[in-house]
Structure formats: structure tokens, C-alpha cells
Amino acid sequence: MKKKIRGLIEKGKDKLPVQKDEVEVMSDAAKTAPRITNETVAEHREKVLGSARKYIYPLQHSKHKIVLISTGLFISAVVLFFSYTVTALYKLQSTSTLLYRVTQVLPLPVAKAGKRFVAYENYLFELRHYMHYYTTQQKLDFKSESGKQQLADFKKRALNEVVDAAYVKELAAKNHISVSDREVNDQIAIVRAQNRLGGSDKVFEDVLKDYWGWSVDDFKRELKQQLLAQKVVASLDTKTTGRAQAALKELKSGADFAATAKKYSSDAGTKNNGGDIGQIDRNNRDLAPQTIDALFKLKTGQYSAIINLGYSLEIVKNIETQGDKIHAAHIIFNFQDINTYLNDLKDKEKAKIFITPH
């Protein structure tokens, strides 16, 4: 650089308008200018980065603060929401849709039955379908004095039901009893075939929604619980099951159906007339759907196997087919009330209730 400058001075003294002082300044600058080589690149880069760090470090510090503040706010929000939820459910006993959804996510207990915690969601599931029915179908105002009393009664009933359901599950587990989805669907199919749940899927869904505020899955959930309780009773009440089997054995041995009904039947209204229940058509609503289903599969003179109606066992006979109706008779074997078995378990494993319905 120094030689080039000097060359320019010598060659262009007469042509270039360069003053001597300016040339000397340029010459001095050339002497003091830093030389960029492979060896000095790293050092130069470090100087540049070093000058930038004074701006970067405060920014990183701000990000750290933002993370801490955000985390603190989130934790505070969670604590506040949880406090509100606990207060609303356990003290105020709110039945709002929001809190019902919360209980579907958070496993909050409403009671403990023996070794099993009873989910608050189960309690609200039962209570809310009562409330829906009486609000929409009976036009009951729960804000009125009579409505408040009725709601308090519903709350006690719903709580008792879910606690009992927990004990039923305990008995079912001890006795290796369960209800499959297929059993639930088969039960629904029998009822649907008799047009008891509406003539179409749409009507069925609308009825459930309008009357109980349920979806089809909600209905299946309730039905599954009922079937489990029925199977538990059928398994534990061996005395009633034994009577039904003894009656069926006698029929197979040629015993007269009317005489067998008089001997074994629990139906005081029909046992003395041979179990005769008159003419039955497919749309009869006085008999269980299982009874109608079994009866219309029989030929004249035939009797059925033992039918489990849930609350009892039954044997039916087709005395005579008369057009689209059947002259029928039956033998009923009533089960013991399920509380007979639940009370024993409740005495051994006391329930703990976490709310007082009001």
C-alpha cells in the first residue's frame, strides 16, 4: 500500500490535485491500519461478538424473567381454578354443565364405598338426568320452595344410587361377574324390536335427549349398571335360582304347568289360576320385553327355558296361538332385594360421604 501511494505521487504530481498533507495522512493511516490475516480473523471476530454481548445478555435475562412470570401466573391460575372447583362442588354443590365437564376430567370423589372411591362425575350423571326430566317434562322450578325440597331429595337419591352402585361393583368383582358390551347391545335389540325405544335411531336418540338429556352412550352406561346389579342378584340368590330350576325340571318330567305354577310361582295374582295371564300381543307393555321375545318364539303347548328379568326369573307357556295374539301363562320366581346383599357388605365396609346434600 505504501509503495503504491508513493508511486501515485511520483507519477501524478502534475496531474492529480492531491495536497501533500493529504498524502501524508493517507500514508499514516496505511501504517496504522490493522492487517487482516488468517491468524487475526478469530481475534477480530471475538472483538465483534464481545461488543454485541452487552446487548444480548439483557435480552436473555428478560426471556428468563418472562418464563418465570408466565410459569407463576399459570400455577396461580391452576390453584385458583382448583380452589373454585372444590368450593363449588363440595360446599356449594353446583350442578352446572361446566363443573360436570370438569369432573369428567378430574377424578374427584364424592364418597368412598368400602375400598372404592365413588367419582363425583357418577353422582352428577345421575342427578342431572333427574333434573333434566323434571325441568323439561314436569316443568318443575327448582328455585321455588317446593322445587328446592324436591332437588334436595333428588340429591340424596342420586348419592345413594351411586354409593350402592359402587358396592354392586365390589360384589361383582368378588364373584367374578361382569357385563359385556354385547349383552348391553342384545338387550337394546330386544327392546328396539318391540318398538319400545322409538321406530328409528333418530327417534330413539331424540327421546333420550328430550326426556333425560342423555346420548345413546349414556343410556348404555346406565343399562350396563342395571344389568350388572341384576346378574349379581341372580348369582347370589341361589335359593330363588334353585326353585326355578326345580320347577323347570318338573315340567320336563311331564308335570302340569298349572299345577307347577300353583306350587312355585311368586305371583300371588296368577298362581292360583295356573299362571294364566290372558291374551298377549307383541305390543303389550305390561310384560317385560324379554318375556314377549321368548313367548312369541314358542309354538302352541310349548314352554320356555328360565328367563332372567333382572328382578325375577320366569318361565312362560304358549297355551294357544290366536291370530297375532298368544293365550299365555307364566311362573314367576322373585329374587331377594339386592339390599339384602348390599347391607351385609355396608356393615363390614362402611361408606364415607364427602358431601351433605342440601
Protein backbone atom coordinates (compact mmCIF):
# COMPACT_ATOMS: atom_id res chain seq x y z
CA MET A 1 0.00 0.00 0.00
CA LYS A 2 2.86 2.39 0.91
CA LYS A 3 4.69 1.80 -2.35
CA LYS A 4 1.53 2.32 -4.40
CA ILE A 5 0.83 5.65 -2.76
CA ARG A 6 4.37 6.80 -3.37
CA GLY A 7 4.11 5.69 -6.99
CA LEU A 8 0.98 7.72 -7.47
CA ILE A 9 2.68 10.75 -6.01
CA GLU A 10 5.66 10.44 -8.31
CA LYS A 11 3.64 9.79 -11.49
CA GLY A 12 0.84 12.22 -10.88
CA LYS A 13 2.48 15.22 -9.32
CA ASP A 14 1.40 17.44 -12.14
CA LYS A 15 -1.97 15.76 -12.88
CA LEU A 16 -3.59 14.85 -9.53
CA PRO A 17 -4.92 17.55 -7.28
CA VAL A 18 -3.57 15.88 -4.17
CA GLN A 19 -2.09 18.05 -1.47
CA LYS A 20 0.99 16.94 0.37
CA ASP A 21 -0.75 16.98 3.74
CA GLU A 22 -3.49 14.64 2.48
CA VAL A 23 -0.94 12.22 1.13
CA GLU A 24 0.86 12.17 4.41
CA VAL A 25 -2.42 11.48 6.28
CA MET A 26 -3.21 8.58 3.96
CA SER A 27 0.26 7.28 4.39
CA ASP A 28 -0.04 7.39 8.18
CA ALA A 29 -3.46 5.65 8.05
CA ALA A 30 -1.96 2.91 5.94
CA LYS A 31 0.74 2.42 8.53
CA THR A 32 -1.74 2.14 11.42
CA ALA A 33 -4.49 0.09 9.65
CA PRO A 34 -4.89 -3.39 11.17
CA ARG A 35 -3.76 -6.24 8.98
CA ILE A 36 -6.46 -8.92 8.47
CA THR A 37 -4.81 -12.31 8.15
CA ASN A 38 -5.82 -15.91 8.89
CA GLU A 39 -4.22 -15.52 12.29
CA THR A 40 -6.15 -12.37 13.20
CA VAL A 41 -9.62 -13.41 11.92
CA ALA A 42 -10.53 -15.24 15.14
CA GLU A 43 -9.35 -12.35 17.27
CA HIS A 44 -11.31 -9.86 15.17
CA ARG A 45 -14.48 -12.00 15.34
CA GLU A 46 -14.22 -12.24 19.12
CA LYS A 47 -13.95 -8.45 19.40
CA VAL A 48 -17.08 -8.00 17.29
CA LEU A 49 -19.05 -10.61 19.29
CA GLY A 50 -17.81 -9.15 22.52
CA SER A 51 -19.21 -5.76 21.64
CA ALA A 52 -22.58 -7.37 20.84
CA ARG A 53 -22.86 -9.33 24.08
CA LYS A 54 -23.73 -6.26 26.08
CA TYR A 55 -26.98 -6.15 24.06
CA ILE A 56 -27.61 -9.93 24.00
CA TYR A 57 -27.25 -10.62 27.74
CA PRO A 58 -30.03 -8.22 28.83
CA LEU A 59 -32.34 -9.83 26.25
CA GLN A 60 -31.60 -13.32 27.61
CA HIS A 61 -32.21 -12.06 31.12
CA SER A 62 -35.60 -10.67 30.00
CA LYS A 63 -36.58 -14.03 28.47
CA HIS A 64 -35.74 -15.77 31.73
CA LYS A 65 -37.94 -13.32 33.60
CA ILE A 66 -40.80 -13.84 31.15
CA VAL A 67 -40.61 -17.63 31.63
CA LEU A 68 -40.63 -17.26 35.42
CA ILE A 69 -43.56 -14.84 35.36
CA SER A 70 -45.56 -16.98 32.91
CA THR A 71 -44.97 -20.10 35.00
CA GLY A 72 -46.02 -18.27 38.14
CA LEU A 73 -49.19 -16.98 36.51
CA PHE A 74 -50.05 -20.45 35.20
CA ILE A 75 -49.57 -22.06 38.61
CA SER A 76 -51.65 -19.32 40.23
CA ALA A 77 -54.43 -19.83 37.67
CA VAL A 78 -54.43 -23.60 38.28
CA VAL A 79 -54.55 -23.12 42.05
CA LEU A 80 -57.39 -20.60 41.78
CA PHE A 81 -59.37 -22.80 39.39
CA PHE A 82 -58.87 -25.86 41.59
CA SER A 83 -59.93 -23.87 44.67
CA TYR A 84 -63.02 -22.61 42.86
CA THR A 85 -63.87 -26.15 41.69
CA VAL A 86 -63.53 -27.66 45.16
CA THR A 87 -65.60 -24.88 46.74
CA ALA A 88 -68.30 -25.04 44.05
CA LEU A 89 -68.62 -28.83 44.25
CA TYR A 90 -68.15 -29.67 47.91
CA LYS A 91 -69.54 -26.54 49.58
CA LEU A 92 -71.97 -25.00 47.10
CA GLN A 93 -72.74 -28.37 45.39
CA SER A 94 -73.10 -26.80 41.97
CA THR A 95 -74.59 -28.95 39.21
CA SER A 96 -73.55 -26.70 36.30
CA THR A 97 -72.51 -28.14 32.96
CA LEU A 98 -69.02 -26.61 33.33
CA LEU A 99 -68.35 -28.34 36.62
CA TYR A 100 -69.85 -31.57 35.31
CA ARG A 101 -67.31 -31.43 32.46
CA VAL A 102 -64.56 -30.75 34.99
CA THR A 103 -65.50 -33.86 36.98
CA GLN A 104 -65.32 -35.88 33.76
CA VAL A 105 -61.65 -34.90 33.53
CA LEU A 106 -60.59 -34.69 37.19
CA PRO A 107 -61.17 -37.86 39.28
CA LEU A 108 -62.73 -36.03 42.22
CA PRO A 109 -64.52 -38.31 44.71
CA VAL A 110 -67.95 -37.74 46.22
CA ALA A 111 -67.77 -40.73 48.56
CA LYS A 112 -65.89 -43.90 49.38
CA ALA A 113 -67.81 -47.17 49.44
CA GLY A 114 -65.68 -49.81 51.08
CA LYS A 115 -62.43 -49.84 49.15
CA ARG A 116 -63.81 -47.97 46.14
CA PHE A 117 -63.92 -44.23 45.65
CA VAL A 118 -67.13 -43.00 44.08
CA ALA A 119 -66.47 -40.42 41.35
CA TYR A 120 -68.22 -37.08 41.68
CA GLU A 121 -68.96 -37.41 37.97
CA ASN A 122 -71.09 -40.52 38.67
CA TYR A 123 -73.16 -38.55 41.17
CA LEU A 124 -73.73 -35.64 38.78
CA PHE A 125 -74.52 -38.06 35.95
CA GLU A 126 -77.41 -39.50 37.97
CA LEU A 127 -78.57 -36.21 39.45
CA ARG A 128 -78.56 -34.24 36.21
CA HIS A 129 -80.81 -36.69 34.37
CA TYR A 130 -83.38 -36.38 37.16
CA MET A 131 -83.16 -32.62 36.94
CA HIS A 132 -83.44 -32.65 33.16
CA TYR A 133 -86.57 -34.80 33.21
CA TYR A 134 -88.41 -32.80 35.85
CA THR A 135 -87.39 -29.48 34.32
CA THR A 136 -88.33 -30.32 30.73
CA GLN A 137 -91.19 -32.78 31.18
CA GLN A 138 -92.73 -31.81 34.53
CA LYS A 139 -91.90 -28.09 34.29
CA LEU A 140 -90.62 -28.10 37.87
CA ASP A 141 -88.99 -24.86 39.04
CA PHE A 142 -86.04 -25.79 41.24
CA LYS A 143 -85.83 -22.20 42.50
CA SER A 144 -89.24 -22.42 44.15
CA GLU A 145 -89.55 -23.69 47.72
CA SER A 146 -91.12 -26.97 46.64
CA GLY A 147 -88.55 -27.27 43.86
CA LYS A 148 -85.67 -26.80 46.31
CA GLN A 149 -87.06 -29.54 48.53
CA GLN A 150 -87.53 -31.81 45.54
CA LEU A 151 -83.95 -31.14 44.42
CA ALA A 152 -82.63 -31.98 47.88
CA ASP A 153 -84.49 -35.31 47.69
CA PHE A 154 -83.06 -35.99 44.23
CA LYS A 155 -79.56 -35.30 45.51
CA LYS A 156 -79.97 -37.81 48.34
CA ARG A 157 -81.40 -40.38 45.94
CA ALA A 158 -78.63 -39.90 43.39
CA LEU A 159 -75.96 -40.14 46.09
CA ASN A 160 -77.45 -43.35 47.48
CA GLU A 161 -77.64 -44.83 44.00
CA VAL A 162 -74.00 -44.21 43.11
CA VAL A 163 -72.82 -45.48 46.50
CA ASP A 164 -74.92 -48.63 46.06
CA ALA A 165 -73.55 -49.00 42.52
CA ALA A 166 -70.02 -48.97 43.95
CA TYR A 167 -70.93 -51.76 46.37
CA VAL A 168 -72.52 -53.71 43.49
CA LYS A 169 -69.24 -53.45 41.60
CA GLU A 170 -67.44 -54.69 44.71
CA LEU A 171 -69.72 -57.74 44.91
CA ALA A 172 -69.39 -58.31 41.16
CA ALA A 173 -65.59 -58.25 41.39
CA LYS A 174 -65.58 -60.69 44.32
CA ASN A 175 -67.84 -63.09 42.42
CA HIS A 176 -66.18 -62.62 39.01
CA ILE A 177 -69.33 -61.18 37.44
CA SER A 178 -69.27 -58.74 34.54
CA VAL A 179 -71.49 -57.40 31.77
CA SER A 180 -70.16 -57.24 28.22
CA ASP A 181 -70.99 -54.64 25.60
CA ARG A 182 -72.61 -57.41 23.59
CA GLU A 183 -75.04 -58.17 26.43
CA VAL A 184 -75.98 -54.50 26.55
CA ASN A 185 -76.50 -54.33 22.80
CA ASP A 186 -78.54 -57.56 22.82
CA GLN A 187 -80.80 -56.12 25.49
CA ILE A 188 -81.31 -52.95 23.46
CA ALA A 189 -82.02 -55.00 20.33
CA ILE A 190 -84.83 -56.89 22.10
CA VAL A 191 -86.46 -53.67 23.24
CA ARG A 192 -85.98 -51.97 19.88
CA ALA A 193 -87.55 -54.93 18.07
CA GLN A 194 -90.74 -54.32 20.05
CA ASN A 195 -90.69 -50.63 19.17
CA ARG A 196 -90.28 -49.63 22.82
CA LEU A 197 -87.45 -47.20 22.11
CA GLY A 198 -88.84 -45.50 19.04
CA GLY A 199 -89.24 -46.64 15.46
CA SER A 200 -85.85 -45.39 14.28
CA ASP A 201 -82.42 -44.46 15.55
CA LYS A 202 -83.28 -40.79 15.21
CA VAL A 203 -86.44 -41.13 17.29
CA PHE A 204 -84.55 -43.16 19.89
CA GLU A 205 -81.83 -40.51 20.15
CA ASP A 206 -84.38 -37.69 20.34
CA VAL A 207 -86.36 -39.42 23.10
CA LEU A 208 -83.22 -39.93 25.19
CA LYS A 209 -82.14 -36.34 24.69
CA ASP A 210 -85.55 -34.79 25.31
CA TYR A 211 -86.51 -36.83 28.36
CA TRP A 212 -83.22 -37.47 30.12
CA GLY A 213 -80.60 -35.31 28.44
CA TRP A 214 -78.74 -38.49 27.50
CA SER A 215 -76.83 -39.67 24.47
CA VAL A 216 -77.06 -43.31 23.33
CA ASP A 217 -73.75 -43.99 25.11
CA ASP A 218 -75.18 -42.52 28.32
CA PHE A 219 -78.17 -44.84 28.02
CA LYS A 220 -75.88 -47.84 27.50
CA ARG A 221 -73.87 -46.82 30.55
CA GLU A 222 -77.00 -46.77 32.72
CA LEU A 223 -78.28 -50.04 31.27
CA LYS A 224 -74.93 -51.75 31.86
CA GLN A 225 -75.05 -50.81 35.54
CA GLN A 226 -78.58 -52.18 35.86
CA LEU A 227 -77.66 -55.44 34.16
CA LEU A 228 -74.65 -55.83 36.46
CA ALA A 229 -76.85 -55.44 39.55
CA GLN A 230 -79.29 -57.99 38.13
CA LYS A 231 -76.55 -60.51 37.42
CA VAL A 232 -75.13 -60.06 40.92
CA VAL A 233 -78.52 -60.80 42.49
CA ALA A 234 -79.07 -63.81 40.21
CA SER A 235 -75.69 -65.18 41.20
CA LEU A 236 -76.05 -64.61 44.94
CA ASP A 237 -79.72 -65.59 45.36
CA THR A 238 -79.10 -69.28 44.88
CA LYS A 239 -82.34 -70.17 46.69
CA THR A 240 -84.54 -68.50 44.08
CA THR A 241 -82.43 -69.85 41.25
CA GLY A 242 -82.77 -73.33 42.77
CA ARG A 243 -86.57 -73.03 42.92
CA ALA A 244 -86.73 -72.03 39.24
CA GLN A 245 -84.50 -74.93 38.23
CA ALA A 246 -86.60 -77.36 40.29
CA ALA A 247 -89.81 -76.14 38.60
CA LEU A 248 -88.27 -76.47 35.15
CA LYS A 249 -87.08 -79.98 35.98
CA GLU A 250 -90.61 -80.98 36.99
CA LEU A 251 -92.05 -79.55 33.76
CA LYS A 252 -89.53 -81.53 31.75
CA SER A 253 -90.59 -84.63 33.68
CA GLY A 254 -94.16 -84.10 32.48
CA ALA A 255 -95.66 -82.11 35.36
CA ASP A 256 -98.73 -79.99 34.62
CA PHE A 257 -97.84 -76.33 34.04
CA ALA A 258 -100.81 -75.01 36.02
CA ALA A 259 -100.02 -77.24 38.99
CA THR A 260 -96.36 -76.25 38.87
CA ALA A 261 -97.31 -72.56 38.79
CA LYS A 262 -99.52 -73.01 41.83
CA LYS A 263 -96.68 -74.76 43.65
CA TYR A 264 -93.78 -72.44 42.84
CA SER A 265 -94.94 -69.07 41.49
CA SER A 266 -94.30 -65.84 43.43
CA ASP A 267 -97.10 -64.06 41.52
CA ALA A 268 -99.95 -64.09 44.01
CA GLY A 269 -102.35 -62.73 41.38
CA THR A 270 -101.99 -65.63 38.94
CA LYS A 271 -100.57 -68.66 40.76
CA ASN A 272 -103.97 -69.98 41.82
CA ASN A 273 -105.32 -69.95 38.25
CA GLY A 274 -102.34 -71.83 36.83
CA GLY A 275 -100.33 -68.75 35.99
CA ASP A 276 -102.79 -67.67 33.29
CA ILE A 277 -102.10 -64.09 32.12
CA GLY A 278 -104.61 -63.99 29.26
CA GLN A 279 -104.12 -62.93 25.65
CA ILE A 280 -100.84 -61.17 24.89
CA ASP A 281 -99.85 -59.29 21.75
CA ARG A 282 -96.40 -58.09 20.69
CA ASN A 283 -97.12 -54.53 21.76
CA ASN A 284 -98.03 -55.45 25.32
CA ARG A 285 -96.26 -53.11 27.77
CA ASP A 286 -97.33 -54.88 30.97
CA LEU A 287 -94.81 -57.66 30.44
CA ALA A 288 -91.03 -57.37 30.21
CA PRO A 289 -89.54 -57.24 26.71
CA GLN A 290 -87.64 -60.47 27.45
CA THR A 291 -90.98 -62.19 28.19
CA ILE A 292 -92.56 -61.03 24.92
CA ASP A 293 -89.45 -62.01 22.99
CA ALA A 294 -89.43 -65.56 24.45
CA LEU A 295 -93.22 -66.05 24.29
CA PHE A 296 -93.55 -65.31 20.56
CA LYS A 297 -90.84 -67.85 19.75
CA LEU A 298 -92.93 -70.68 21.25
CA LYS A 299 -95.38 -72.93 19.45
CA THR A 300 -98.73 -73.82 20.99
CA GLY A 301 -98.21 -76.05 24.05
CA GLN A 302 -94.53 -75.19 24.45
CA TYR A 303 -92.93 -73.54 27.49
CA SER A 304 -89.70 -71.58 27.65
CA ALA A 305 -86.43 -72.02 29.45
CA ILE A 306 -85.78 -69.87 32.54
CA ILE A 307 -85.86 -66.17 31.60
CA ASN A 308 -83.89 -63.68 33.70
CA LEU A 309 -85.93 -60.49 34.02
CA GLY A 310 -83.43 -58.87 36.33
CA TYR A 311 -85.78 -58.53 39.29
CA SER A 312 -87.09 -62.10 38.91
CA LEU A 313 -86.89 -65.33 36.92
CA GLU A 314 -89.76 -66.51 34.74
CA ILE A 315 -90.98 -69.49 32.72
CA VAL A 316 -93.71 -68.77 30.15
CA LYS A 317 -96.03 -71.06 28.20
CA ASN A 318 -97.92 -70.62 24.94
CA ILE A 319 -101.28 -72.14 25.81
CA GLU A 320 -102.77 -71.28 22.43
CA THR A 321 -101.92 -69.06 19.46
CA GLN A 322 -104.92 -66.94 18.47
CA GLY A 323 -104.12 -64.98 15.31
CA ASP A 324 -101.50 -62.40 16.18
CA LYS A 325 -102.00 -62.97 19.90
CA ILE A 326 -101.00 -65.69 22.32
CA HIS A 327 -103.00 -67.02 25.24
CA ALA A 328 -100.19 -67.31 27.79
CA ALA A 329 -99.31 -68.44 31.31
CA HIS A 330 -96.22 -67.88 33.41
CA ILE A 331 -94.42 -68.91 36.61
CA ILE A 332 -92.56 -66.11 38.42
CA PHE A 333 -89.68 -66.52 40.88
CA ASN A 334 -88.92 -63.22 42.61
CA PHE A 335 -85.35 -62.54 43.66
CA GLN A 336 -84.37 -61.22 47.05
CA ASP A 337 -83.96 -57.44 47.11
CA ILE A 338 -80.39 -56.53 46.26
CA ASN A 339 -80.15 -54.56 49.51
CA THR A 340 -80.18 -57.93 51.29
CA TYR A 341 -76.65 -58.44 49.99
CA LEU A 342 -75.54 -54.82 49.92
CA ASN A 343 -76.40 -54.24 53.58
CA ASP A 344 -74.13 -57.05 54.69
CA LEU A 345 -71.27 -55.51 52.76
CA LYS A 346 -72.11 -52.00 54.01
CA ASP A 347 -71.92 -53.24 57.61
CA LYS A 348 -68.46 -54.66 57.01
CA GLU A 349 -67.13 -51.80 54.87
CA LYS A 350 -68.67 -48.52 55.97
CA ALA A 351 -69.24 -45.79 53.40
CA LYS A 352 -67.69 -42.33 53.79
CA ILE A 353 -69.69 -39.49 52.24
CA PHE A 354 -67.85 -36.29 51.35
CA ILE A 355 -70.88 -34.04 50.86
CA THR A 356 -74.13 -33.43 52.69
CA PRO A 357 -76.88 -32.97 50.09
CA HIS A 358 -78.89 -29.78 50.58
